[in-house]
Amino acid sequence: MTGITRPDPNPTATDWLELAPNSIRPAPADRDLGRPILDSPLVRGSVWLRWSGHDGIRTLHHGAGLARGWTERDVDGLDGWVALVEGRVVHSVRPDGPPEPVVHAEAWEAGATLHAALAQHPAPTHLTQDEDEPDSQEHALLGDLLSRVRRRAAGMTLENIQHALEPARFEERCADRYADAGHESAYTTAATTLAEWQRIHDHTATTRAERYDPDHDTALQHALRRAHHRQDVAACAREAALRARRSTDAAHRSLAAKRLRER
């Protein structure tokens, strides 16, 4: 555990915290940070994670969700730790001067600033849950379907991929026309298959590769990295919740034992 679990001070209580106009850092889920390490107990549903491959970053997660905010060291020439929300550095606004980045010597101080910034800038409603994420069973089925398309496309030339697109379009049109209400799975499968063939076609055309190679599919690697990141965060969230339950149970047992002794 690091000092980031210290009680939060409120060093900017008299200041309004704004976010930099532009995002200057990619989200943690889009970077290769290594494996996560639980860096705090579960507090009000939130945990801090640090990462094996990047000692200069701490991510804040509510439950198993991706980090909307994090702290990072030496960002964009700033000497020290700063808080970022959606890749935008947190600035302090004072009545007597322009906004300036809030820079700290310690990660836990930047963590306190991040908590304050998130309180002042709550997430938009559409970001409070992953509405675009299908349920786990559907995600597994679609993931297997996409994998089959990529395996079939491996080694194909752009012309071969173009030929494969034609029956995929035909099947999508048929599924759309004849799908009965309540039986949309056939259309979902056909539409997903077509979309992946189209993505593979566009990727191969853009990179001017002689043949499609999944190992050099940058969009695919990005998606896989993001999926693994989600899984790692979820695993840490489960670990934090388990520790919290054990701690609560131990406290209840201790209190019960104390009451028995006092009788």
Protein backbone atom coordinates (compact mmCIF):
# COMPACT_ATOMS: atom_id res chain seq x y z
CA MET A 1 0.00 0.00 0.00
CA THR A 2 1.17 3.53 -0.68
CA GLY A 3 0.37 6.83 0.95
CA ILE A 4 -2.58 7.34 -1.36
CA THR A 5 -4.79 5.68 1.26
CA ARG A 6 -4.22 8.49 3.81
CA PRO A 7 -7.26 10.50 4.91
CA ASP A 8 -8.11 13.08 2.30
CA PRO A 9 -7.14 16.62 3.22
CA ASN A 10 -8.86 19.43 1.36
CA PRO A 11 -6.01 21.68 0.22
CA THR A 12 -8.15 23.45 -2.37
CA ALA A 13 -11.28 23.99 -0.31
CA THR A 14 -11.35 27.73 -1.10
CA ASP A 15 -10.67 27.24 -4.82
CA TRP A 16 -12.87 26.18 -7.67
CA LEU A 17 -11.30 23.37 -9.67
CA GLU A 18 -11.59 23.52 -13.43
CA LEU A 19 -10.47 21.06 -16.09
CA ALA A 20 -7.96 21.96 -18.77
CA PRO A 21 -9.68 22.81 -22.08
CA ASN A 22 -8.15 19.84 -23.90
CA SER A 23 -7.35 16.26 -23.08
CA ILE A 24 -3.59 15.74 -23.18
CA ARG A 25 -3.31 12.18 -21.86
CA PRO A 26 -4.91 8.97 -23.18
CA ALA A 27 -7.15 7.03 -20.83
CA PRO A 28 -5.46 4.30 -18.75
CA ALA A 29 -7.54 1.66 -20.55
CA ASP A 30 -5.87 2.70 -23.81
CA ARG A 31 -2.33 2.26 -22.48
CA ASP A 32 -0.19 -0.75 -21.71
CA LEU A 33 0.20 -0.25 -17.96
CA GLY A 34 0.91 -3.84 -16.99
CA ARG A 35 -1.11 -5.58 -14.29
CA PRO A 36 -3.11 -3.72 -11.62
CA ILE A 37 -2.25 -3.80 -7.93
CA LEU A 38 -4.88 -2.95 -5.34
CA ASP A 39 -3.66 0.22 -3.64
CA SER A 40 -6.45 1.02 -1.19
CA PRO A 41 -9.35 -0.57 0.66
CA LEU A 42 -12.87 -0.21 -0.64
CA VAL A 43 -14.15 3.20 0.51
CA ARG A 44 -17.65 4.35 -0.51
CA GLY A 45 -17.54 1.94 -3.44
CA SER A 46 -14.23 3.28 -4.80
CA VAL A 47 -10.71 1.88 -4.92
CA TRP A 48 -7.31 3.08 -6.09
CA LEU A 49 -5.14 0.92 -8.32
CA ARG A 50 -1.48 1.21 -9.18
CA TRP A 51 0.10 -0.58 -12.13
CA SER A 52 3.09 -2.89 -12.47
CA GLY A 53 4.30 -1.36 -15.72
CA HIS A 54 3.94 2.33 -14.84
CA ASP A 55 4.92 3.56 -11.37
CA GLY A 56 3.85 7.12 -12.16
CA ILE A 57 0.11 6.56 -12.37
CA ARG A 58 -2.71 5.75 -9.94
CA THR A 59 -6.24 5.12 -11.21
CA LEU A 60 -9.47 5.67 -9.28
CA HIS A 61 -12.34 3.27 -9.94
CA HIS A 62 -15.91 3.18 -8.71
CA GLY A 63 -16.74 -0.49 -8.48
CA ALA A 64 -15.56 -2.33 -11.57
CA GLY A 65 -15.89 0.70 -13.85
CA LEU A 66 -13.08 2.17 -15.90
CA ALA A 67 -11.19 5.13 -14.48
CA ARG A 68 -12.80 8.46 -15.25
CA GLY A 69 -10.10 10.16 -13.21
CA TRP A 70 -6.54 9.32 -12.25
CA THR A 71 -3.33 10.86 -10.92
CA GLU A 72 -0.10 10.93 -12.88
CA ARG A 73 3.45 12.12 -12.32
CA ASP A 74 5.42 14.50 -14.57
CA VAL A 75 2.67 15.17 -17.10
CA ASP A 76 3.39 17.62 -19.91
CA GLY A 77 6.44 19.11 -18.21
CA LEU A 78 4.76 19.55 -14.81
CA ASP A 79 7.20 18.50 -12.08
CA GLY A 80 5.12 16.44 -9.69
CA TRP A 81 1.78 14.67 -9.40
CA VAL A 82 -1.36 16.06 -11.01
CA ALA A 83 -4.98 14.97 -11.11
CA LEU A 84 -6.66 14.28 -14.44
CA VAL A 85 -10.32 13.86 -15.31
CA GLU A 86 -10.94 12.29 -18.72
CA GLY A 87 -7.35 13.16 -19.64
CA ARG A 88 -7.74 16.83 -18.70
CA VAL A 89 -5.43 18.23 -16.01
CA VAL A 90 -7.19 19.73 -12.98
CA HIS A 91 -6.58 23.49 -12.59
CA SER A 92 -7.15 25.70 -9.58
CA VAL A 93 -9.11 28.90 -10.15
CA ARG A 94 -8.31 31.79 -7.79
CA PRO A 95 -9.98 35.19 -7.80
CA ASP A 96 -6.63 36.95 -8.14
CA GLY A 97 -5.17 35.08 -11.09
CA PRO A 98 -5.61 32.80 -14.10
CA PRO A 99 -6.24 29.04 -13.71
CA GLU A 100 -3.10 27.06 -12.97
CA PRO A 101 -2.44 23.30 -12.84
CA VAL A 102 -2.60 21.88 -9.33
CA VAL A 103 0.74 20.09 -8.82
CA HIS A 104 1.62 18.02 -5.75
CA ALA A 105 4.78 16.39 -4.44
CA GLU A 106 2.95 13.21 -3.38
CA ALA A 107 0.47 10.91 -5.09
CA TRP A 108 -1.94 10.96 -2.13
CA GLU A 109 -2.18 14.76 -2.32
CA ALA A 110 -3.07 14.59 -6.01
CA GLY A 111 -5.61 11.93 -5.07
CA ALA A 112 -7.32 14.35 -2.70
CA THR A 113 -7.45 16.96 -5.47
CA LEU A 114 -8.94 14.38 -7.84
CA HIS A 115 -11.70 13.51 -5.36
CA ALA A 116 -12.51 17.22 -5.03
CA ALA A 117 -12.50 17.73 -8.81
CA LEU A 118 -14.80 14.76 -9.41
CA ALA A 119 -17.18 16.10 -6.76
CA GLN A 120 -17.27 19.47 -8.52
CA HIS A 121 -17.54 17.91 -11.98
CA PRO A 122 -19.79 14.83 -11.72
CA ALA A 123 -19.94 12.50 -14.67
CA PRO A 124 -22.63 13.14 -17.29
CA THR A 125 -25.55 10.75 -16.99
CA HIS A 126 -24.54 8.77 -20.08
CA LEU A 127 -21.14 8.05 -18.48
CA THR A 128 -22.44 6.69 -15.19
CA GLN A 129 -22.88 3.22 -16.65
CA ASP A 130 -21.56 1.31 -19.61
CA GLU A 131 -24.78 1.36 -21.61
CA ASP A 132 -22.97 0.37 -24.77
CA GLU A 133 -21.64 -2.79 -23.17
CA PRO A 134 -23.71 -5.93 -23.80
CA ASP A 135 -24.29 -8.38 -20.99
CA SER A 136 -21.48 -10.85 -20.29
CA GLN A 137 -23.10 -13.82 -22.02
CA GLU A 138 -23.85 -11.88 -25.21
CA HIS A 139 -20.37 -10.33 -25.12
CA ALA A 140 -18.78 -13.79 -24.99
CA LEU A 141 -20.89 -15.02 -27.92
CA LEU A 142 -20.17 -11.99 -30.08
CA GLY A 143 -16.48 -12.12 -29.16
CA ASP A 144 -16.29 -15.72 -30.38
CA LEU A 145 -18.09 -14.74 -33.58
CA LEU A 146 -15.62 -11.91 -34.27
CA SER A 147 -12.72 -14.24 -33.59
CA ARG A 148 -14.04 -16.73 -36.16
CA VAL A 149 -14.32 -13.98 -38.78
CA ARG A 150 -10.74 -12.87 -38.14
CA ARG A 151 -9.43 -16.43 -38.32
CA ARG A 152 -11.18 -16.91 -41.64
CA ALA A 153 -9.85 -13.59 -42.95
CA ALA A 154 -6.26 -14.28 -41.90
CA GLY A 155 -4.04 -14.44 -45.00
CA MET A 156 -6.73 -13.09 -47.35
CA THR A 157 -5.91 -10.42 -49.91
CA LEU A 158 -8.03 -7.29 -50.17
CA GLU A 159 -9.77 -8.80 -53.19
CA ASN A 160 -10.61 -11.97 -51.25
CA ILE A 161 -12.00 -9.89 -48.39
CA GLN A 162 -14.13 -7.91 -50.84
CA HIS A 163 -15.61 -11.18 -52.13
CA ALA A 164 -16.36 -12.28 -48.55
CA LEU A 165 -18.19 -9.02 -47.91
CA GLU A 166 -20.80 -9.76 -50.58
CA PRO A 167 -22.40 -12.83 -48.94
CA ALA A 168 -22.11 -11.10 -45.53
CA ARG A 169 -24.15 -8.16 -46.86
CA PHE A 170 -26.70 -10.55 -48.39
CA GLU A 171 -27.10 -12.45 -45.09
CA GLU A 172 -27.49 -9.21 -43.17
CA ARG A 173 -30.24 -8.00 -45.52
CA CYS A 174 -32.06 -11.33 -45.29
CA ALA A 175 -31.84 -11.41 -41.51
CA ASP A 176 -33.14 -7.85 -41.31
CA ARG A 177 -36.06 -8.59 -43.64
CA TYR A 178 -37.22 -11.86 -42.14
CA ALA A 179 -36.36 -11.49 -38.46
CA ASP A 180 -39.45 -11.97 -36.30
CA ALA A 181 -40.11 -9.78 -33.30
CA GLY A 182 -38.43 -11.31 -30.26
CA HIS A 183 -36.00 -13.28 -32.43
CA GLU A 184 -33.46 -10.62 -33.27
CA SER A 185 -30.42 -12.78 -32.53
CA ALA A 186 -30.08 -13.84 -36.18
CA TYR A 187 -29.94 -10.22 -37.27
CA THR A 188 -27.47 -9.33 -34.49
CA THR A 189 -25.21 -12.16 -35.62
CA ALA A 190 -25.43 -11.19 -39.28
CA ALA A 191 -24.91 -7.47 -38.59
CA THR A 192 -21.94 -8.14 -36.32
CA THR A 193 -20.38 -10.45 -38.92
CA LEU A 194 -20.83 -7.86 -41.66
CA ALA A 195 -19.40 -5.07 -39.50
CA GLU A 196 -16.28 -7.10 -38.72
CA TRP A 197 -15.72 -8.02 -42.38
CA GLN A 198 -16.11 -4.35 -43.27
CA ARG A 199 -13.67 -3.32 -40.54
CA ILE A 200 -11.13 -5.87 -41.73
CA HIS A 201 -11.57 -4.68 -45.31
CA ASP A 202 -11.08 -1.03 -44.34
CA HIS A 203 -8.07 -1.82 -42.16
CA THR A 204 -6.39 -3.82 -44.92
CA ALA A 205 -7.09 -1.11 -47.49
CA THR A 206 -5.85 1.68 -45.21
CA THR A 207 -2.61 -0.11 -44.27
CA ARG A 208 -2.10 -1.30 -47.87
CA ALA A 209 -1.17 -4.73 -46.58
CA GLU A 210 -0.84 -7.51 -49.12
CA ARG A 211 -2.79 -9.83 -46.83
CA TYR A 212 -4.75 -9.41 -43.63
CA ASP A 213 -2.77 -10.33 -40.52
CA PRO A 214 -4.63 -10.24 -37.16
CA ASP A 215 -1.30 -9.88 -35.35
CA HIS A 216 -0.78 -6.50 -37.06
CA ASP A 217 -4.37 -5.30 -36.69
CA THR A 218 -3.88 -2.21 -34.50
CA ALA A 219 -7.61 -1.67 -33.90
CA LEU A 220 -7.93 -5.29 -32.82
CA GLN A 221 -4.96 -5.04 -30.45
CA HIS A 222 -6.44 -1.87 -28.98
CA ALA A 223 -9.79 -3.58 -28.38
CA LEU A 224 -8.12 -6.62 -26.80
CA ARG A 225 -5.98 -4.43 -24.53
CA ARG A 226 -9.07 -2.52 -23.41
CA ALA A 227 -10.95 -5.78 -22.76
CA HIS A 228 -8.07 -7.16 -20.67
CA HIS A 229 -7.92 -3.86 -18.78
CA ARG A 230 -11.62 -4.14 -17.93
CA GLN A 231 -11.14 -7.71 -16.71
CA ASP A 232 -8.18 -6.71 -14.52
CA VAL A 233 -10.10 -3.81 -12.97
CA ALA A 234 -13.10 -6.06 -12.29
CA ALA A 235 -10.86 -8.62 -10.59
CA CYS A 236 -9.39 -5.95 -8.31
CA ALA A 237 -12.87 -4.62 -7.53
CA ARG A 238 -13.95 -8.12 -6.47
CA GLU A 239 -10.85 -8.47 -4.30
CA ALA A 240 -11.51 -5.11 -2.62
CA ALA A 241 -15.16 -6.02 -1.98
CA LEU A 242 -14.12 -9.38 -0.48
CA ARG A 243 -11.62 -7.69 1.82
CA ALA A 244 -14.25 -5.16 2.89
CA ARG A 245 -16.72 -7.95 3.74
CA ARG A 246 -14.07 -9.82 5.74
CA SER A 247 -13.15 -6.64 7.62
CA THR A 248 -16.81 -5.91 8.41
CA ASP A 249 -17.43 -9.49 9.55
CA ALA A 250 -14.35 -9.37 11.79
CA ALA A 251 -15.52 -6.08 13.31
CA HIS A 252 -18.97 -7.55 14.00
CA ARG A 253 -17.45 -10.63 15.63
CA SER A 254 -15.18 -8.47 17.78
CA LEU A 255 -18.12 -6.31 18.87
CA ALA A 256 -20.23 -9.37 19.68
CA ALA A 257 -17.40 -10.87 21.74
CA LYS A 258 -16.95 -7.59 23.61
CA ARG A 259 -20.65 -7.45 24.46
CA LEU A 260 -20.56 -11.02 25.78
CA ARG A 261 -17.62 -10.19 28.04
CA GLU A 262 -19.44 -7.13 29.41
CA ARG A 263 -22.50 -9.14 30.45
